[in-house]
Amino acid sequence: MKRFPRTKFAAVVAGAASIALITTGCSAGTDSGTSAGGDVTLTVATFNEFGYEDLFAKYEEANPNVTIKHKKAATSNEARDNLTTRLAAGSGLSDIEAIEVDWLPELLQYSDQFIDLASTDVDGRWLDWKEKAATDADGRLIGYGTDIGPEAVCYRADLFEAAGLPTDRAAVADMLGTSWDSYYAAGEKFVSAGTNVPWFDSAGATWQGVVNQIPNAYEKEDGSIIATENPEVRKAYDSVLDASSTLSARLSQWSDDWTASFQNDGFATMLCPGWMLGVISGNADGVAGWDIADTFPGGGGNWGGSYLTVPNQSKNQEEAQKLAAWLTAPEQQLSAFASKGTFPSQIDALASDELLGATNEFFNNAPTGEILANRAAAVDVTPFKGAKYFAINDAMQQAITRVEDGLMSADESWAQFENDVNALG
């Protein structure tokens, strides 16, 4: 098993992601909105799968005065829309709001709308880059880090066997290789075997793996937009859509059809950040054959990772901060990983034998702790994500989807993408 001392692991995983700081700041409110020792109801808004359901029950048991109401959005986009709408309205936000790394930079422009979570109790808790990403120019920490998203490739070993391909994890990793060309070539072998099953779920999902390997895909560090003139972006766009034409199931992630496809052999492989393990096992409940290979096209990649924030709107700020701190402590991050595969960002959790020795029964007892630790160590690009990153990437996802849905040619949809980006100003 590949092991990482704390300092070594922090150094190698630090390449997993980087967020630019776009800042305005002022002092945070401190009124908790509850009397000391009184009963309090805390609302917590998350999305996708954070692995918190059992943890909420555990926290309530240890804190009888606290009741937790969980509001779980189906997608990151839905959660972002809710947050930005209610932030602008000045009311309606939960006591704790989860935010995703791709839309963190735009929220840092309004960091004065969130309380400062900095505390000596959590000093040094997270990987440096994880904490820095949520810290504004005035040194205010607006989010406690939850997970990071090192990526592997998840695959259906039973479908591979039916196509005459290797099924053993090590042999599959060799076949998939470490480049996008080798991943697509393996897909061509699979589909040519006549299984009538697509290779991957969608071009949009594949794009997420590709774009997170481009250092400056959409913006320069000074905030200037380069998305439509960046040759790396256009080349990657064409490459993904070219592969999609023969390999994609054309199932937009989080759609009803995509969710249902896990029960009817919808596709053979998918790019797999740690948090996706819980999504797959939940949607594919009762389906045998899923496994995970210790490799990733392009070498390494980080997709996603989130934070817990406490908006100024919260009437229970003190209790909310306590819960957010508890949920992101090492024991709870390890519990969330065991539940849903959300890979920890907390230094003590990353160095633990519990993490590095973890296996996942659903994925054929794969050593997921070791595999994801290796995948985190393989990341060597820290993509810049500025205030417009989320909006531009959303426009790109729409461009790719238009082509997959047959609504436009690749060139026509690229032209629409250019118009959409220019409209952002």
Protein backbone atom coordinates (compact mmCIF):
# COMPACT_ATOMS: atom_id res chain seq x y z
CA MET A 1 0.00 0.00 0.00
CA LYS A 2 1.30 3.43 -0.89
CA ARG A 3 1.51 5.55 2.24
CA PHE A 4 1.96 9.27 2.73
CA PRO A 5 3.34 10.97 5.84
CA ARG A 6 1.35 14.11 6.64
CA THR A 7 3.79 16.60 5.15
CA LYS A 8 4.38 14.47 2.07
CA PHE A 9 0.67 13.98 1.47
CA ALA A 10 -0.09 17.67 1.88
CA ALA A 11 2.57 18.52 -0.67
CA VAL A 12 1.43 16.09 -3.35
CA VAL A 13 -2.30 16.66 -2.90
CA ALA A 14 -1.84 20.44 -3.02
CA GLY A 15 -1.84 20.17 -6.81
CA ALA A 16 -5.46 19.04 -6.79
CA ALA A 17 -7.06 22.46 -7.16
CA SER A 18 -6.53 26.17 -6.76
CA ILE A 19 -8.97 29.03 -6.49
CA ALA A 20 -8.18 32.70 -7.09
CA LEU A 21 -9.25 35.09 -4.36
CA ILE A 22 -11.65 37.80 -5.47
CA THR A 23 -12.30 39.85 -2.42
CA THR A 24 -14.28 42.40 -0.57
CA GLY A 25 -14.50 42.14 3.17
CA CYS A 26 -15.87 43.60 6.35
CA SER A 27 -16.41 42.45 9.89
CA ALA A 28 -18.81 39.54 10.40
CA GLY A 29 -21.83 39.48 12.65
CA THR A 30 -21.62 37.46 15.85
CA ASP A 31 -25.22 37.32 17.15
CA SER A 32 -26.15 33.66 17.45
CA GLY A 33 -29.89 34.34 17.57
CA THR A 34 -30.37 31.85 20.42
CA SER A 35 -29.96 32.03 24.15
CA ALA A 36 -27.17 30.00 25.69
CA GLY A 37 -28.33 26.47 26.33
CA GLY A 38 -31.69 27.01 24.63
CA ASP A 39 -33.29 24.76 22.05
CA VAL A 40 -32.30 25.57 18.48
CA THR A 41 -33.26 24.28 15.03
CA LEU A 42 -30.46 24.43 12.49
CA THR A 43 -31.14 24.28 8.78
CA VAL A 44 -28.37 22.82 6.62
CA ALA A 45 -28.44 23.12 2.80
CA THR A 46 -26.31 20.67 0.77
CA PHE A 47 -26.45 19.05 -2.66
CA ASN A 48 -25.65 15.70 -4.26
CA GLU A 49 -24.21 13.37 -1.60
CA PHE A 50 -22.22 14.73 1.37
CA GLY A 51 -22.65 11.63 3.55
CA TYR A 52 -24.13 13.63 6.44
CA GLU A 53 -27.43 11.87 7.20
CA ASP A 54 -26.03 9.56 9.91
CA LEU A 55 -23.81 12.35 11.21
CA PHE A 56 -26.78 14.65 11.75
CA ALA A 57 -28.45 11.99 13.90
CA LYS A 58 -25.23 11.51 15.86
CA TYR A 59 -24.88 15.25 16.48
CA GLU A 60 -28.49 15.56 17.65
CA GLU A 61 -27.97 12.66 20.06
CA ALA A 62 -24.90 14.35 21.56
CA ASN A 63 -26.63 17.76 21.59
CA PRO A 64 -30.25 17.22 22.71
CA ASN A 65 -31.05 20.93 22.41
CA VAL A 66 -30.27 20.89 18.65
CA THR A 67 -32.61 19.79 15.87
CA ILE A 68 -31.19 19.66 12.33
CA LYS A 69 -33.32 20.12 9.23
CA HIS A 70 -31.53 19.00 6.06
CA LYS A 71 -32.32 20.63 2.73
CA LYS A 72 -30.62 18.63 -0.04
CA ALA A 73 -30.64 19.97 -3.59
CA ALA A 74 -30.38 17.46 -6.41
CA THR A 75 -27.53 19.29 -8.14
CA SER A 76 -24.81 21.84 -7.52
CA ASN A 77 -26.47 24.20 -10.02
CA GLU A 78 -29.77 24.05 -8.15
CA ALA A 79 -28.01 24.80 -4.85
CA ARG A 80 -26.13 27.73 -6.39
CA ASP A 81 -29.30 29.22 -7.88
CA ASN A 82 -31.04 29.00 -4.51
CA LEU A 83 -28.11 30.55 -2.66
CA THR A 84 -27.52 33.45 -5.02
CA THR A 85 -31.24 34.27 -5.24
CA ARG A 86 -31.71 34.33 -1.47
CA LEU A 87 -28.42 36.09 -0.90
CA ALA A 88 -29.59 38.90 -3.18
CA ALA A 89 -33.01 38.96 -1.50
CA GLY A 90 -31.44 39.31 1.94
CA SER A 91 -33.40 36.47 3.52
CA GLY A 92 -34.24 32.79 3.24
CA LEU A 93 -30.80 31.15 3.47
CA SER A 94 -30.12 28.18 5.71
CA ASP A 95 -27.98 28.42 8.84
CA ILE A 96 -25.32 26.42 7.00
CA GLU A 97 -24.98 26.65 3.22
CA ALA A 98 -22.74 24.20 1.34
CA ILE A 99 -20.93 25.74 -1.63
CA GLU A 100 -19.02 24.04 -4.43
CA VAL A 101 -15.47 24.95 -5.39
CA ASP A 102 -16.37 26.14 -8.90
CA TRP A 103 -18.69 28.86 -7.58
CA LEU A 104 -16.65 29.76 -4.50
CA PRO A 105 -14.69 32.50 -6.35
CA GLU A 106 -17.81 34.46 -7.29
CA LEU A 107 -19.11 34.28 -3.71
CA LEU A 108 -15.81 35.63 -2.38
CA GLN A 109 -16.80 38.88 -4.03
CA TYR A 110 -19.52 39.03 -1.36
CA SER A 111 -17.52 37.59 1.51
CA ASP A 112 -18.98 40.20 3.88
CA GLN A 113 -22.30 38.33 3.58
CA PHE A 114 -20.82 35.33 5.43
CA ILE A 115 -19.48 35.16 8.96
CA ASP A 116 -15.77 34.78 9.59
CA LEU A 117 -15.25 31.15 10.62
CA ALA A 118 -11.58 31.55 11.56
CA SER A 119 -10.85 30.08 14.97
CA THR A 120 -7.82 28.77 16.86
CA ASP A 121 -9.81 25.53 17.23
CA VAL A 122 -9.47 24.83 13.49
CA ASP A 123 -6.05 26.33 12.75
CA GLY A 124 -4.05 23.96 10.52
CA ARG A 125 -7.01 21.61 10.04
CA TRP A 126 -7.02 21.58 6.22
CA LEU A 127 -4.58 21.34 3.37
CA ASP A 128 -3.15 24.83 2.87
CA TRP A 129 -4.67 25.36 -0.58
CA LYS A 130 -8.08 24.20 0.59
CA GLU A 131 -8.22 26.76 3.40
CA LYS A 132 -6.62 29.53 1.34
CA ALA A 133 -9.28 29.19 -1.34
CA ALA A 134 -11.99 30.20 1.15
CA THR A 135 -10.03 33.06 2.73
CA ASP A 136 -10.62 36.62 1.55
CA ALA A 137 -8.09 39.43 1.19
CA ASP A 138 -8.75 40.58 4.76
CA GLY A 139 -7.94 37.12 6.12
CA ARG A 140 -11.55 36.16 6.82
CA LEU A 141 -12.31 32.44 6.42
CA ILE A 142 -15.82 32.08 4.96
CA GLY A 143 -15.92 28.30 4.51
CA TYR A 144 -14.85 25.13 6.31
CA GLY A 145 -13.51 22.61 3.79
CA THR A 146 -15.39 19.34 3.33
CA ASP A 147 -13.98 17.12 0.58
CA ILE A 148 -11.68 17.23 -2.42
CA GLY A 149 -12.30 15.35 -5.67
CA PRO A 150 -9.34 13.27 -6.88
CA GLU A 151 -10.47 11.27 -9.91
CA ALA A 152 -10.13 7.66 -10.95
CA VAL A 153 -12.15 5.70 -13.54
CA CYS A 154 -15.11 3.61 -12.42
CA TYR A 155 -16.11 0.73 -14.70
CA ARG A 156 -18.46 -2.22 -15.11
CA ALA A 157 -16.28 -5.31 -14.91
CA ASP A 158 -19.16 -7.54 -16.01
CA LEU A 159 -19.65 -5.52 -19.20
CA PHE A 160 -15.90 -5.56 -19.83
CA GLU A 161 -15.93 -9.35 -19.53
CA ALA A 162 -18.80 -9.59 -22.00
CA ALA A 163 -16.77 -7.51 -24.46
CA GLY A 164 -13.68 -9.69 -24.03
CA LEU A 165 -11.72 -6.98 -22.21
CA PRO A 166 -9.68 -7.31 -19.01
CA THR A 167 -11.58 -7.02 -15.73
CA ASP A 168 -8.82 -7.06 -13.11
CA ARG A 169 -8.17 -3.55 -11.74
CA ALA A 170 -4.48 -3.49 -12.58
CA ALA A 171 -5.05 -4.85 -16.09
CA VAL A 172 -7.89 -2.37 -16.66
CA ALA A 173 -5.67 0.49 -15.53
CA ASP A 174 -3.04 -0.62 -18.06
CA MET A 175 -5.64 -0.86 -20.83
CA LEU A 176 -7.14 2.56 -20.06
CA GLY A 177 -3.69 4.10 -19.94
CA THR A 178 -2.88 7.62 -18.79
CA SER A 179 -3.94 9.72 -21.78
CA TRP A 180 -7.27 10.75 -23.23
CA ASP A 181 -6.31 9.06 -26.50
CA SER A 182 -5.71 5.73 -24.74
CA TYR A 183 -8.99 6.05 -22.81
CA TYR A 184 -10.92 6.70 -26.03
CA ALA A 185 -9.05 3.88 -27.82
CA ALA A 186 -10.10 1.44 -25.10
CA GLY A 187 -13.64 2.66 -25.62
CA GLU A 188 -13.48 1.96 -29.34
CA LYS A 189 -12.42 -1.63 -28.55
CA PHE A 190 -15.34 -1.96 -26.17
CA VAL A 191 -18.05 -0.66 -28.50
CA SER A 192 -16.66 -2.61 -31.47
CA ALA A 193 -17.23 -5.83 -29.51
CA GLY A 194 -20.94 -5.47 -30.17
CA THR A 195 -22.22 -5.07 -26.61
CA ASN A 196 -24.55 -2.23 -27.68
CA VAL A 197 -23.53 -0.36 -24.51
CA PRO A 198 -21.91 3.11 -24.74
CA TRP A 199 -18.45 3.67 -23.27
CA PHE A 200 -19.15 6.73 -21.07
CA ASP A 201 -22.20 8.61 -19.83
CA SER A 202 -21.86 12.01 -21.53
CA ALA A 203 -19.51 14.42 -23.23
CA GLY A 204 -20.35 16.98 -20.55
CA ALA A 205 -19.07 14.73 -17.78
CA THR A 206 -15.96 13.93 -19.80
CA TRP A 207 -15.40 17.65 -20.33
CA GLN A 208 -15.16 18.16 -16.57
CA GLY A 209 -12.20 15.80 -16.45
CA VAL A 210 -10.49 17.54 -19.37
CA VAL A 211 -11.00 21.17 -18.36
CA ASN A 212 -9.63 20.62 -14.86
CA GLN A 213 -6.30 19.75 -16.46
CA ILE A 214 -5.97 23.12 -18.24
CA PRO A 215 -4.15 25.68 -16.05
CA ASN A 216 -5.94 28.73 -17.47
CA ALA A 217 -8.92 27.51 -19.46
CA TYR A 218 -11.24 30.49 -19.24
CA GLU A 219 -9.51 33.35 -17.41
CA LYS A 220 -6.11 34.80 -16.71
CA GLU A 221 -5.07 35.53 -13.14
CA ASP A 222 -5.94 39.20 -13.68
CA GLY A 223 -9.55 38.21 -14.39
CA SER A 224 -9.48 38.82 -18.14
CA ILE A 225 -11.53 36.26 -20.09
CA ILE A 226 -9.70 34.13 -22.65
CA ALA A 227 -12.19 31.25 -23.02
CA THR A 228 -13.18 31.86 -26.63
CA GLU A 229 -9.65 32.51 -27.87
CA ASN A 230 -7.80 29.84 -25.93
CA PRO A 231 -6.61 27.18 -28.43
CA GLU A 232 -6.41 24.58 -25.63
CA VAL A 233 -10.12 25.02 -24.95
CA ARG A 234 -11.17 24.72 -28.59
CA LYS A 235 -8.92 21.70 -29.11
CA ALA A 236 -10.34 19.99 -26.01
CA TYR A 237 -13.91 20.85 -27.08
CA ASP A 238 -13.41 19.27 -30.51
CA SER A 239 -11.67 16.22 -29.05
CA VAL A 240 -14.40 15.51 -26.51
CA LEU A 241 -17.17 15.89 -29.07
CA ASP A 242 -15.32 13.72 -31.58
CA ALA A 243 -15.10 10.93 -28.99
CA SER A 244 -18.73 11.50 -28.04
CA SER A 245 -19.90 10.71 -31.56
CA THR A 246 -19.14 7.00 -31.09
CA LEU A 247 -18.63 6.50 -27.35
CA SER A 248 -21.20 8.56 -25.45
CA ALA A 249 -24.55 7.50 -24.01
CA ARG A 250 -25.58 11.18 -24.28
CA LEU A 251 -27.03 11.16 -20.78
CA SER A 252 -26.67 14.50 -19.03
CA GLN A 253 -25.52 13.92 -15.48
CA TRP A 254 -28.22 14.27 -12.81
CA SER A 255 -31.03 13.95 -15.38
CA ASP A 256 -33.77 11.38 -14.75
CA ASP A 257 -32.59 9.32 -17.72
CA TRP A 258 -29.03 9.33 -16.39
CA THR A 259 -30.17 8.21 -12.95
CA ALA A 260 -32.30 5.43 -14.42
CA SER A 261 -29.47 4.25 -16.69
CA PHE A 262 -27.56 2.78 -13.76
CA GLN A 263 -30.21 0.10 -13.52
CA ASN A 264 -30.14 -0.88 -17.21
CA ASP A 265 -26.50 -1.03 -18.37
CA GLY A 266 -26.49 2.59 -19.51
CA PHE A 267 -22.72 2.82 -19.99
CA ALA A 268 -19.49 0.99 -19.17
CA THR A 269 -17.23 3.63 -17.60
CA MET A 270 -17.36 7.06 -16.03
CA LEU A 271 -14.91 9.56 -14.59
CA CYS A 272 -15.00 9.06 -10.87
CA PRO A 273 -14.07 11.64 -8.23
CA GLY A 274 -14.42 10.25 -4.72
CA TRP A 275 -17.81 11.85 -4.10
CA MET A 276 -19.19 10.05 -7.17
CA LEU A 277 -18.80 6.65 -5.47
CA GLY A 278 -21.83 7.29 -3.29
CA VAL A 279 -23.82 8.55 -6.25
CA ILE A 280 -23.06 5.40 -8.25
CA SER A 281 -23.73 2.95 -5.42
CA GLY A 282 -27.02 4.72 -4.64
CA ASN A 283 -28.27 4.79 -8.22
CA ALA A 284 -26.95 1.32 -9.06
CA ASP A 285 -28.25 -0.35 -5.91
CA GLY A 286 -28.54 -4.08 -6.57
CA VAL A 287 -26.41 -3.96 -9.74
CA ALA A 288 -23.27 -6.10 -9.54
CA GLY A 289 -20.08 -5.45 -11.47
CA TRP A 290 -18.90 -1.95 -10.58
CA ASP A 291 -15.18 -1.52 -9.85
CA ILE A 292 -12.62 1.29 -9.87
CA ALA A 293 -9.27 1.54 -11.64
CA ASP A 294 -6.24 3.38 -10.26
CA THR A 295 -5.66 5.55 -13.31
CA PHE A 296 -7.02 8.68 -14.96
CA PRO A 297 -6.74 10.08 -18.51
CA GLY A 298 -4.20 12.86 -18.67
CA GLY A 299 -2.44 11.65 -15.51
CA GLY A 300 -4.52 13.15 -12.70
CA GLY A 301 -7.41 15.44 -12.02
CA ASN A 302 -9.50 16.99 -9.27
CA TRP A 303 -13.21 17.49 -9.87
CA GLY A 304 -15.15 19.24 -7.18
CA GLY A 305 -14.85 19.64 -3.46
CA SER A 306 -17.03 21.78 -1.24
CA TYR A 307 -17.23 24.04 1.81
CA LEU A 308 -19.67 24.77 4.61
CA THR A 309 -20.49 28.45 5.16
CA VAL A 310 -22.60 30.34 7.70
CA PRO A 311 -24.40 33.28 6.06
CA ASN A 312 -24.96 36.50 8.01
CA GLN A 313 -28.67 35.79 7.53
CA SER A 314 -28.45 32.90 10.00
CA LYS A 315 -30.18 33.57 13.31
CA ASN A 316 -28.16 30.75 14.87
CA GLN A 317 -24.62 31.68 13.89
CA GLU A 318 -22.81 30.38 16.97
CA GLU A 319 -24.53 27.00 16.93
CA ALA A 320 -24.19 26.77 13.14
CA GLN A 321 -20.45 27.36 13.33
CA LYS A 322 -20.14 24.65 15.98
CA LEU A 323 -21.97 22.17 13.75
CA ALA A 324 -19.94 23.14 10.67
CA ALA A 325 -16.71 22.70 12.62
CA TRP A 326 -17.83 19.30 13.90
CA LEU A 327 -18.87 18.06 10.46
CA THR A 328 -15.44 18.94 9.04
CA ALA A 329 -13.40 17.45 11.86
CA PRO A 330 -11.28 14.39 10.95
CA GLU A 331 -13.56 11.77 12.51
CA GLN A 332 -16.60 13.07 10.64
CA GLN A 333 -14.73 13.45 7.33
CA LEU A 334 -13.70 9.80 7.62
CA SER A 335 -17.29 8.83 8.37
CA ALA A 336 -18.54 10.75 5.31
CA PHE A 337 -15.90 9.03 3.17
CA ALA A 338 -17.00 5.61 4.42
CA SER A 339 -20.62 6.52 3.67
CA LYS A 340 -20.42 8.27 0.29
CA GLY A 341 -16.78 8.32 -0.82
CA THR A 342 -16.24 12.03 -0.20
CA PHE A 343 -12.46 12.22 0.02
CA PRO A 344 -11.23 14.23 3.03
CA SER A 345 -9.47 17.59 2.84
CA GLN A 346 -8.53 17.48 6.52
CA ILE A 347 -4.85 16.76 7.16
CA ASP A 348 -5.23 14.34 10.06
CA ALA A 349 -7.88 12.39 8.15
CA LEU A 350 -5.66 12.15 5.09
CA ALA A 351 -2.83 10.64 7.12
CA SER A 352 -4.98 8.08 8.91
CA ASP A 353 -4.72 4.32 8.55
CA GLU A 354 -8.52 4.24 8.48
CA LEU A 355 -8.55 6.22 5.23
CA LEU A 356 -5.59 4.56 3.52
CA GLY A 357 -6.85 1.09 4.40
CA ALA A 358 -10.47 1.73 3.43
CA THR A 359 -12.24 -0.61 1.01
CA ASN A 360 -15.64 -0.32 -0.67
CA GLU A 361 -17.82 -3.40 -0.78
CA PHE A 362 -20.01 -2.13 -3.60
CA PHE A 363 -16.97 -1.63 -5.87
CA ASN A 364 -15.84 -5.25 -5.53
CA ASN A 365 -14.06 -4.46 -2.23
CA ALA A 366 -11.71 -2.08 -4.03
CA PRO A 367 -9.10 -0.33 -1.85
CA THR A 368 -10.71 3.03 -2.50
CA GLY A 369 -8.73 4.85 0.18
CA GLU A 370 -5.42 3.86 -1.36
CA ILE A 371 -6.63 4.40 -4.94
CA LEU A 372 -7.95 7.91 -4.28
CA ALA A 373 -4.84 8.81 -2.30
CA ASN A 374 -2.77 7.75 -5.31
CA ARG A 375 -5.05 9.74 -7.62
CA ALA A 376 -4.66 12.82 -5.43
CA ALA A 377 -0.89 12.43 -5.60
CA ALA A 378 -1.07 12.24 -9.40
CA VAL A 379 -2.63 15.71 -9.79
CA ASP A 380 -0.08 18.16 -11.13
CA VAL A 381 -2.23 21.00 -12.50
CA THR A 382 -3.83 23.69 -10.37
CA PRO A 383 -6.43 25.28 -12.67
CA PHE A 384 -7.16 28.95 -12.12
CA LYS A 385 -10.85 29.58 -11.40
CA GLY A 386 -11.90 33.20 -11.22
CA ALA A 387 -15.19 35.00 -10.62
CA LYS A 388 -16.57 34.11 -14.08
CA TYR A 389 -15.42 30.49 -14.11
CA PHE A 390 -18.75 28.92 -13.16
CA ALA A 391 -20.76 30.96 -15.65
CA ILE A 392 -18.33 30.28 -18.50
CA ASN A 393 -18.15 26.57 -17.76
CA ASP A 394 -21.94 26.42 -17.60
CA ALA A 395 -22.04 28.03 -21.07
CA MET A 396 -19.56 25.41 -22.25
CA GLN A 397 -21.67 22.59 -20.84
CA GLN A 398 -24.67 23.96 -22.71
CA ALA A 399 -22.60 24.14 -25.90
CA ILE A 400 -21.56 20.50 -25.57
CA THR A 401 -25.09 19.40 -24.73
CA ARG A 402 -26.51 21.15 -27.81
CA VAL A 403 -24.21 19.06 -30.00
CA GLU A 404 -24.95 15.80 -28.17
CA ASP A 405 -28.67 16.49 -28.45
CA GLY A 406 -28.32 17.08 -32.19
CA LEU A 407 -29.53 20.68 -31.98
CA MET A 408 -26.40 22.22 -33.50
CA SER A 409 -23.16 21.23 -35.18
CA ALA A 410 -19.95 21.63 -33.19
CA ASP A 411 -19.07 24.84 -35.08
CA GLU A 412 -22.55 26.32 -34.65
CA SER A 413 -22.60 25.56 -30.95
CA TRP A 414 -19.10 27.00 -30.50
CA ALA A 415 -20.31 30.23 -32.12
CA GLN A 416 -23.20 30.32 -29.64
CA PHE A 417 -20.72 29.69 -26.81
CA GLU A 418 -18.72 32.71 -27.98
CA ASN A 419 -21.87 34.84 -27.89
CA ASP A 420 -22.77 33.59 -24.43
CA VAL A 421 -19.30 34.32 -23.05
CA ASN A 422 -19.20 37.78 -24.62
CA ALA A 423 -22.55 38.54 -22.99
CA LEU A 424 -20.98 38.00 -19.56
CA GLY A 425 -19.02 41.22 -20.05
